[in-house]
């Protein structure tokens, strides 16, 4: 079982802590505000109230023992920077830090973060993509111009086989699988027939997806 440290219990940090606990990880959560720490108690393994920018406080957490550390502090980038740098100095194995802008990402990577996330920016991008097309249900960026999409099946594709549609040849998109009743089915054959109770999982260039489903 993995041990994870989550620093900062705003909405983003608490959401991470809850999900990790659901996945079966041991989660130690840290916040300097006693009220937020107590509110998180039902969702984590343990809570510590303290200042993550204090080297002495971090020493009490035994940082090297965590498989991953999330720095999820919101609205205080100085604290994000100091906490990230101190975690690296204290021997953290893997650090994921929160940023709001590209320049912050560069700074965090330069002082010890292994990865940087933009929760607000990523949510805004997801909403912009999904809510401007009735056909697109979900979206995960894979690169600058490539993504994985979950889409509704076009009416004229219904009851046709994957072989008949030739999605890679005609639309330059890779069919990863179909989702049916919440389950993903990736083992498809050219004879597999598409039906109304399915959605498609397609990978490809954003331009090609929006040409077909935009």
C-alpha atoms as a PDB file:
ATOM      1  CA  UNK A   1       0.000   0.000   0.000  1.00  0.00           C
ATOM      2  CA  UNK A   2       1.319   3.428  -0.944  1.00  0.00           C
ATOM      3  CA  UNK A   3       1.778   6.238   1.547  1.00  0.00           C
ATOM      4  CA  UNK A   4       0.906   9.720   0.302  1.00  0.00           C
ATOM      5  CA  UNK A   5       1.362  13.159   1.828  1.00  0.00           C
ATOM      6  CA  UNK A   6      -1.142  15.870   0.840  1.00  0.00           C
ATOM      7  CA  UNK A   7      -0.254  19.427   1.869  1.00  0.00           C
ATOM      8  CA  UNK A   8      -3.145  21.882   1.693  1.00  0.00           C
ATOM      9  CA  UNK A   9      -6.788  21.017   2.296  1.00  0.00           C
ATOM     10  CA  UNK A  10      -8.687  23.434   0.120  1.00  0.00           C
ATOM     11  CA  UNK A  11     -11.149  21.977  -2.380  1.00  0.00           C
ATOM     12  CA  UNK A  12      -8.357  20.698  -4.633  1.00  0.00           C
ATOM     13  CA  UNK A  13      -6.276  19.139  -1.859  1.00  0.00           C
ATOM     14  CA  UNK A  14      -9.274  17.609  -0.110  1.00  0.00           C
ATOM     15  CA  UNK A  15     -10.472  16.171  -3.411  1.00  0.00           C
ATOM     16  CA  UNK A  16      -7.084  14.528  -3.982  1.00  0.00           C
ATOM     17  CA  UNK A  17      -7.000  13.151  -0.430  1.00  0.00           C
ATOM     18  CA  UNK A  18     -10.505  11.681  -0.719  1.00  0.00           C
ATOM     19  CA  UNK A  19      -9.768   9.985  -4.029  1.00  0.00           C
ATOM     20  CA  UNK A  20      -6.468   8.537  -2.851  1.00  0.00           C
ATOM     21  CA  UNK A  21      -8.154   7.128   0.237  1.00  0.00           C
ATOM     22  CA  UNK A  22     -10.884   5.586  -1.939  1.00  0.00           C
ATOM     23  CA  UNK A  23      -8.098   3.921  -3.909  1.00  0.00           C
ATOM     24  CA  UNK A  24      -6.795   2.324  -0.716  1.00  0.00           C
ATOM     25  CA  UNK A  25      -3.748   4.525  -0.077  1.00  0.00           C
ATOM     26  CA  UNK A  26      -2.637   5.688   3.362  1.00  0.00           C
ATOM     27  CA  UNK A  27      -3.018   9.474   3.309  1.00  0.00           C
ATOM     28  CA  UNK A  28      -1.474  11.933   5.738  1.00  0.00           C
ATOM     29  CA  UNK A  29      -3.007  15.377   5.168  1.00  0.00           C
ATOM     30  CA  UNK A  30      -1.487  18.641   6.377  1.00  0.00           C
ATOM     31  CA  UNK A  31      -2.982  22.111   6.740  1.00  0.00           C
ATOM     32  CA  UNK A  32      -2.167  25.086   8.901  1.00  0.00           C
ATOM     33  CA  UNK A  33      -5.870  25.809   9.504  1.00  0.00           C
ATOM     34  CA  UNK A  34      -7.332  23.703  12.290  1.00  0.00           C
ATOM     35  CA  UNK A  35     -10.895  24.023  10.959  1.00  0.00           C
ATOM     36  CA  UNK A  36     -10.026  22.619   7.538  1.00  0.00           C
ATOM     37  CA  UNK A  37      -7.945  19.838   9.071  1.00  0.00           C
ATOM     38  CA  UNK A  38     -10.799  18.673  11.295  1.00  0.00           C
ATOM     39  CA  UNK A  39     -13.235  18.769   8.349  1.00  0.00           C
ATOM     40  CA  UNK A  40     -10.946  16.388   6.442  1.00  0.00           C
ATOM     41  CA  UNK A  41     -10.618  13.829   9.256  1.00  0.00           C
ATOM     42  CA  UNK A  42     -13.296  11.421   7.929  1.00  0.00           C
ATOM     43  CA  UNK A  43     -11.551  11.149   4.566  1.00  0.00           C
ATOM     44  CA  UNK A  44      -7.881  10.542   5.406  1.00  0.00           C
ATOM     45  CA  UNK A  45      -5.725   8.187   7.433  1.00  0.00           C
ATOM     46  CA  UNK A  46      -4.172  10.893   9.604  1.00  0.00           C
ATOM     47  CA  UNK A  47      -4.053  14.678   9.964  1.00  0.00           C
ATOM     48  CA  UNK A  48      -1.303  17.041  11.064  1.00  0.00           C
ATOM     49  CA  UNK A  49      -1.892  20.742  11.735  1.00  0.00           C
ATOM     50  CA  UNK A  50       1.171  22.818  10.987  1.00  0.00           C
ATOM     51  CA  UNK A  51       3.121  25.101   8.684  1.00  0.00           C
ATOM     52  CA  UNK A  52       4.619  23.225   5.730  1.00  0.00           C
ATOM     53  CA  UNK A  53       7.113  26.066   5.144  1.00  0.00           C
ATOM     54  CA  UNK A  54       8.739  25.231   8.480  1.00  0.00           C
ATOM     55  CA  UNK A  55      11.715  22.844   8.159  1.00  0.00           C
ATOM     56  CA  UNK A  56      11.230  21.775  11.780  1.00  0.00           C
ATOM     57  CA  UNK A  57       7.586  20.842  11.167  1.00  0.00           C
ATOM     58  CA  UNK A  58       8.450  18.859   8.025  1.00  0.00           C
ATOM     59  CA  UNK A  59      11.063  16.941   9.989  1.00  0.00           C
ATOM     60  CA  UNK A  60       8.260  15.558  12.182  1.00  0.00           C
ATOM     61  CA  UNK A  61       6.491  14.096   9.111  1.00  0.00           C
ATOM     62  CA  UNK A  62       9.365  11.799   8.076  1.00  0.00           C
ATOM     63  CA  UNK A  63       9.094  12.894   4.446  1.00  0.00           C
ATOM     64  CA  UNK A  64      11.300  10.154   2.890  1.00  0.00           C
ATOM     65  CA  UNK A  65       8.723   7.561   3.970  1.00  0.00           C
ATOM     66  CA  UNK A  66       6.077   8.832   1.526  1.00  0.00           C
ATOM     67  CA  UNK A  67       5.834   7.417  -1.982  1.00  0.00           C
ATOM     68  CA  UNK A  68       4.372  10.696  -3.274  1.00  0.00           C
ATOM     69  CA  UNK A  69       3.841  14.221  -1.956  1.00  0.00           C
ATOM     70  CA  UNK A  70       1.155  16.577  -3.259  1.00  0.00           C
ATOM     71  CA  UNK A  71       1.605  20.302  -2.654  1.00  0.00           C
ATOM     72  CA  UNK A  72      -2.005  21.436  -3.113  1.00  0.00           C
ATOM     73  CA  UNK A  73      -1.860  24.809  -1.355  1.00  0.00           C
ATOM     74  CA  UNK A  74      -4.135  27.366  -3.020  1.00  0.00           C
ATOM     75  CA  UNK A  75      -3.868  31.173  -3.272  1.00  0.00           C
ATOM     76  CA  UNK A  76      -0.354  31.341  -1.811  1.00  0.00           C
ATOM     77  CA  UNK A  77       2.283  30.549  -4.424  1.00  0.00           C
ATOM     78  CA  UNK A  78       5.118  31.563  -2.111  1.00  0.00           C
ATOM     79  CA  UNK A  79       4.092  28.762   0.258  1.00  0.00           C
ATOM     80  CA  UNK A  80       3.842  26.326  -2.647  1.00  0.00           C
ATOM     81  CA  UNK A  81       7.407  27.193  -3.666  1.00  0.00           C
ATOM     82  CA  UNK A  82       8.841  26.979  -0.166  1.00  0.00           C
ATOM     83  CA  UNK A  83       7.052  23.711   0.604  1.00  0.00           C
ATOM     84  CA  UNK A  84       8.168  22.143  -2.675  1.00  0.00           C
ATOM     85  CA  UNK A  85      11.794  23.135  -2.129  1.00  0.00           C
ATOM     86  CA  UNK A  86      11.773  21.908   1.467  1.00  0.00           C
ATOM     87  CA  UNK A  87      10.177  18.579   0.572  1.00  0.00           C
ATOM     88  CA  UNK A  88      12.924  17.988  -1.972  1.00  0.00           C
ATOM     89  CA  UNK A  89      15.559  18.996   0.572  1.00  0.00           C
ATOM     90  CA  UNK A  90      14.022  16.591   3.115  1.00  0.00           C
ATOM     91  CA  UNK A  91      14.267  13.641   0.739  1.00  0.00           C
ATOM     92  CA  UNK A  92      10.812  13.423  -0.886  1.00  0.00           C
ATOM     93  CA  UNK A  93      10.689  10.666  -3.526  1.00  0.00           C
ATOM     94  CA  UNK A  94       8.165  12.280  -5.863  1.00  0.00           C
ATOM     95  CA  UNK A  95       6.556  15.740  -5.666  1.00  0.00           C
ATOM     96  CA  UNK A  96       3.471  16.991  -7.511  1.00  0.00           C
ATOM     97  CA  UNK A  97       2.873  20.714  -7.032  1.00  0.00           C
ATOM     98  CA  UNK A  98       0.039  23.053  -7.930  1.00  0.00           C
ATOM     99  CA  UNK A  99       0.491  26.060 -10.214  1.00  0.00           C
ATOM    100  CA  UNK A 100      -1.725  28.613 -11.923  1.00  0.00           C
ATOM    101  CA  UNK A 101       0.549  29.812 -14.759  1.00  0.00           C
ATOM    102  CA  UNK A 102       3.374  28.589 -16.986  1.00  0.00           C
ATOM    103  CA  UNK A 103       5.970  30.715 -15.238  1.00  0.00           C
ATOM    104  CA  UNK A 104       4.993  29.117 -11.931  1.00  0.00           C
ATOM    105  CA  UNK A 105       5.392  25.681 -13.479  1.00  0.00           C
ATOM    106  CA  UNK A 106       8.933  26.544 -14.597  1.00  0.00           C
ATOM    107  CA  UNK A 107       9.853  27.801 -11.152  1.00  0.00           C
ATOM    108  CA  UNK A 108       8.431  24.746  -9.390  1.00  0.00           C
ATOM    109  CA  UNK A 109      10.222  22.317 -11.694  1.00  0.00           C
ATOM    110  CA  UNK A 110      13.484  24.194 -11.158  1.00  0.00           C
ATOM    111  CA  UNK A 111      13.290  23.901  -7.365  1.00  0.00           C
ATOM    112  CA  UNK A 112      12.313  20.256  -7.060  1.00  0.00           C
ATOM    113  CA  UNK A 113       8.815  19.418  -8.302  1.00  0.00           C
ATOM    114  CA  UNK A 114       8.629  16.292 -10.451  1.00  0.00           C
ATOM    115  CA  UNK A 115       5.286  17.261 -11.948  1.00  0.00           C
ATOM    116  CA  UNK A 116       3.086  20.350 -11.918  1.00  0.00           C
ATOM    117  CA  UNK A 117      -0.697  20.480 -12.260  1.00  0.00           C
ATOM    118  CA  UNK A 118      -3.047  23.341 -13.184  1.00  0.00           C
ATOM    119  CA  UNK A 119      -6.439  22.369 -11.713  1.00  0.00           C
ATOM    120  CA  UNK A 120      -8.325  25.519 -12.746  1.00  0.00           C
ATOM    121  CA  UNK A 121      -6.751  25.694 -16.197  1.00  0.00           C
ATOM    122  CA  UNK A 122      -7.281  22.013 -16.896  1.00  0.00           C
ATOM    123  CA  UNK A 123     -10.923  22.183 -15.798  1.00  0.00           C
ATOM    124  CA  UNK A 124     -11.482  25.276 -17.937  1.00  0.00           C
ATOM    125  CA  UNK A 125      -9.994  23.519 -20.969  1.00  0.00           C
ATOM    126  CA  UNK A 126     -12.129  20.420 -20.359  1.00  0.00           C
ATOM    127  CA  UNK A 127     -15.301  22.501 -20.044  1.00  0.00           C
ATOM    128  CA  UNK A 128     -14.507  24.492 -23.189  1.00  0.00           C
ATOM    129  CA  UNK A 129     -14.067  21.313 -25.213  1.00  0.00           C
ATOM    130  CA  UNK A 130     -16.972  19.278 -23.801  1.00  0.00           C
ATOM    131  CA  UNK A 131     -19.628  21.965 -23.570  1.00  0.00           C
ATOM    132  CA  UNK A 132     -19.203  23.336 -27.076  1.00  0.00           C
ATOM    133  CA  UNK A 133     -20.198  20.047 -28.711  1.00  0.00           C
ATOM    134  CA  UNK A 134     -23.211  17.868 -27.940  1.00  0.00           C
ATOM    135  CA  UNK A 135     -21.288  14.863 -29.261  1.00  0.00           C
ATOM    136  CA  UNK A 136     -18.200  15.123 -27.023  1.00  0.00           C
ATOM    137  CA  UNK A 137     -18.762  13.680 -23.533  1.00  0.00           C
ATOM    138  CA  UNK A 138     -15.243  13.592 -22.125  1.00  0.00           C
ATOM    139  CA  UNK A 139     -11.740  14.679 -23.042  1.00  0.00           C
ATOM    140  CA  UNK A 140      -8.186  14.034 -21.867  1.00  0.00           C
ATOM    141  CA  UNK A 141      -5.310  15.937 -23.464  1.00  0.00           C
ATOM    142  CA  UNK A 142      -2.350  13.752 -24.440  1.00  0.00           C
ATOM    143  CA  UNK A 143      -0.173  16.444 -25.993  1.00  0.00           C
ATOM    144  CA  UNK A 144      -0.271  19.801 -27.723  1.00  0.00           C
ATOM    145  CA  UNK A 145      -2.568  18.619 -30.512  1.00  0.00           C
ATOM    146  CA  UNK A 146      -3.634  15.111 -29.508  1.00  0.00           C
ATOM    147  CA  UNK A 147      -6.255  13.859 -27.059  1.00  0.00           C
ATOM    148  CA  UNK A 148      -8.445  10.959 -25.998  1.00  0.00           C
ATOM    149  CA  UNK A 149     -12.165  11.644 -26.475  1.00  0.00           C
ATOM    150  CA  UNK A 150     -15.359   9.930 -25.424  1.00  0.00           C
ATOM    151  CA  UNK A 151     -18.033  10.724 -28.018  1.00  0.00           C
ATOM    152  CA  UNK A 152     -21.601   9.800 -28.863  1.00  0.00           C
ATOM    153  CA  UNK A 153     -21.968   7.517 -31.865  1.00  0.00           C
ATOM    154  CA  UNK A 154     -23.272   9.426 -34.923  1.00  0.00           C
ATOM    155  CA  UNK A 155     -26.734   8.309 -36.042  1.00  0.00           C
ATOM    156  CA  UNK A 156     -25.468   7.115 -39.429  1.00  0.00           C
ATOM    157  CA  UNK A 157     -22.884   4.849 -37.714  1.00  0.00           C
ATOM    158  CA  UNK A 158     -25.480   2.908 -35.746  1.00  0.00           C
ATOM    159  CA  UNK A 159     -25.768  -0.836 -36.445  1.00  0.00           C
ATOM    160  CA  UNK A 160     -22.663  -0.734 -38.639  1.00  0.00           C
ATOM    161  CA  UNK A 161     -19.541  -2.752 -38.009  1.00  0.00           C
ATOM    162  CA  UNK A 162     -16.188  -1.253 -37.132  1.00  0.00           C
ATOM    163  CA  UNK A 163     -14.802  -2.769 -40.323  1.00  0.00           C
ATOM    164  CA  UNK A 164     -17.459  -1.043 -42.436  1.00  0.00           C
ATOM    165  CA  UNK A 165     -16.789   2.355 -40.880  1.00  0.00           C
ATOM    166  CA  UNK A 166     -12.965   2.177 -41.273  1.00  0.00           C
ATOM    167  CA  UNK A 167     -12.501   5.012 -38.772  1.00  0.00           C
ATOM    168  CA  UNK A 168      -8.669   5.158 -39.025  1.00  0.00           C
ATOM    169  CA  UNK A 169      -8.691   5.189 -42.820  1.00  0.00           C
ATOM    170  CA  UNK A 170     -11.526   7.656 -43.345  1.00  0.00           C
ATOM    171  CA  UNK A 171     -11.108   9.965 -40.360  1.00  0.00           C
ATOM    172  CA  UNK A 172      -7.492   9.500 -39.194  1.00  0.00           C
ATOM    173  CA  UNK A 173      -8.677   8.563 -35.687  1.00  0.00           C
ATOM    174  CA  UNK A 174      -7.752   5.530 -33.627  1.00  0.00           C
ATOM    175  CA  UNK A 175     -10.605   3.602 -32.002  1.00  0.00           C
ATOM    176  CA  UNK A 176      -9.422   2.659 -28.490  1.00  0.00           C
ATOM    177  CA  UNK A 177     -12.647   0.969 -27.404  1.00  0.00           C
ATOM    178  CA  UNK A 178     -16.314   1.463 -26.610  1.00  0.00           C
ATOM    179  CA  UNK A 179     -18.020   2.217 -23.317  1.00  0.00           C
ATOM    180  CA  UNK A 180     -21.254   0.411 -22.479  1.00  0.00           C
ATOM    181  CA  UNK A 181     -23.140   0.720 -19.181  1.00  0.00           C
ATOM    182  CA  UNK A 182     -20.115   2.400 -17.624  1.00  0.00           C
ATOM    183  CA  UNK A 183     -17.651  -0.327 -18.613  1.00  0.00           C
ATOM    184  CA  UNK A 184     -14.899   0.024 -21.217  1.00  0.00           C
ATOM    185  CA  UNK A 185     -14.563  -2.725 -23.812  1.00  0.00           C
ATOM    186  CA  UNK A 186     -11.242  -2.565 -25.656  1.00  0.00           C
ATOM    187  CA  UNK A 187     -11.250  -5.969 -27.356  1.00  0.00           C
ATOM    188  CA  UNK A 188     -13.063  -5.164 -30.595  1.00  0.00           C
ATOM    189  CA  UNK A 189     -13.024  -6.885 -33.951  1.00  0.00           C
ATOM    190  CA  UNK A 190     -13.888  -5.610 -37.431  1.00  0.00           C
ATOM    191  CA  UNK A 191     -17.213  -7.444 -37.018  1.00  0.00           C
ATOM    192  CA  UNK A 192     -18.162  -5.617 -33.802  1.00  0.00           C
ATOM    193  CA  UNK A 193     -21.425  -3.735 -34.298  1.00  0.00           C
ATOM    194  CA  UNK A 194     -22.036  -0.279 -32.828  1.00  0.00           C
ATOM    195  CA  UNK A 195     -25.314   0.287 -30.991  1.00  0.00           C
ATOM    196  CA  UNK A 196     -27.185   3.143 -29.347  1.00  0.00           C
ATOM    197  CA  UNK A 197     -26.189   2.151 -25.807  1.00  0.00           C
ATOM    198  CA  UNK A 198     -22.479   2.651 -26.558  1.00  0.00           C
ATOM    199  CA  UNK A 199     -20.096   5.589 -26.692  1.00  0.00           C
ATOM    200  CA  UNK A 200     -16.796   5.606 -28.558  1.00  0.00           C
ATOM    201  CA  UNK A 201     -13.301   6.172 -27.163  1.00  0.00           C
ATOM    202  CA  UNK A 202     -11.246   7.790 -29.900  1.00  0.00           C
ATOM    203  CA  UNK A 203      -7.675   9.061 -29.921  1.00  0.00           C
ATOM    204  CA  UNK A 204      -6.384  11.522 -32.459  1.00  0.00           C
ATOM    205  CA  UNK A 205      -5.657  15.087 -33.432  1.00  0.00           C
ATOM    206  CA  UNK A 206      -8.026  17.704 -32.058  1.00  0.00           C
ATOM    207  CA  UNK A 207      -8.601  19.088 -35.548  1.00  0.00           C
ATOM    208  CA  UNK A 208      -9.792  15.717 -36.856  1.00  0.00           C
ATOM    209  CA  UNK A 209     -12.090  15.138 -33.873  1.00  0.00           C
ATOM    210  CA  UNK A 210     -13.725  18.557 -34.126  1.00  0.00           C
ATOM    211  CA  UNK A 211     -14.156  18.197 -37.878  1.00  0.00           C
ATOM    212  CA  UNK A 212     -16.244  15.101 -37.236  1.00  0.00           C
ATOM    213  CA  UNK A 213     -17.913  15.865 -33.897  1.00  0.00           C
ATOM    214  CA  UNK A 214     -17.638  19.636 -33.456  1.00  0.00           C
END
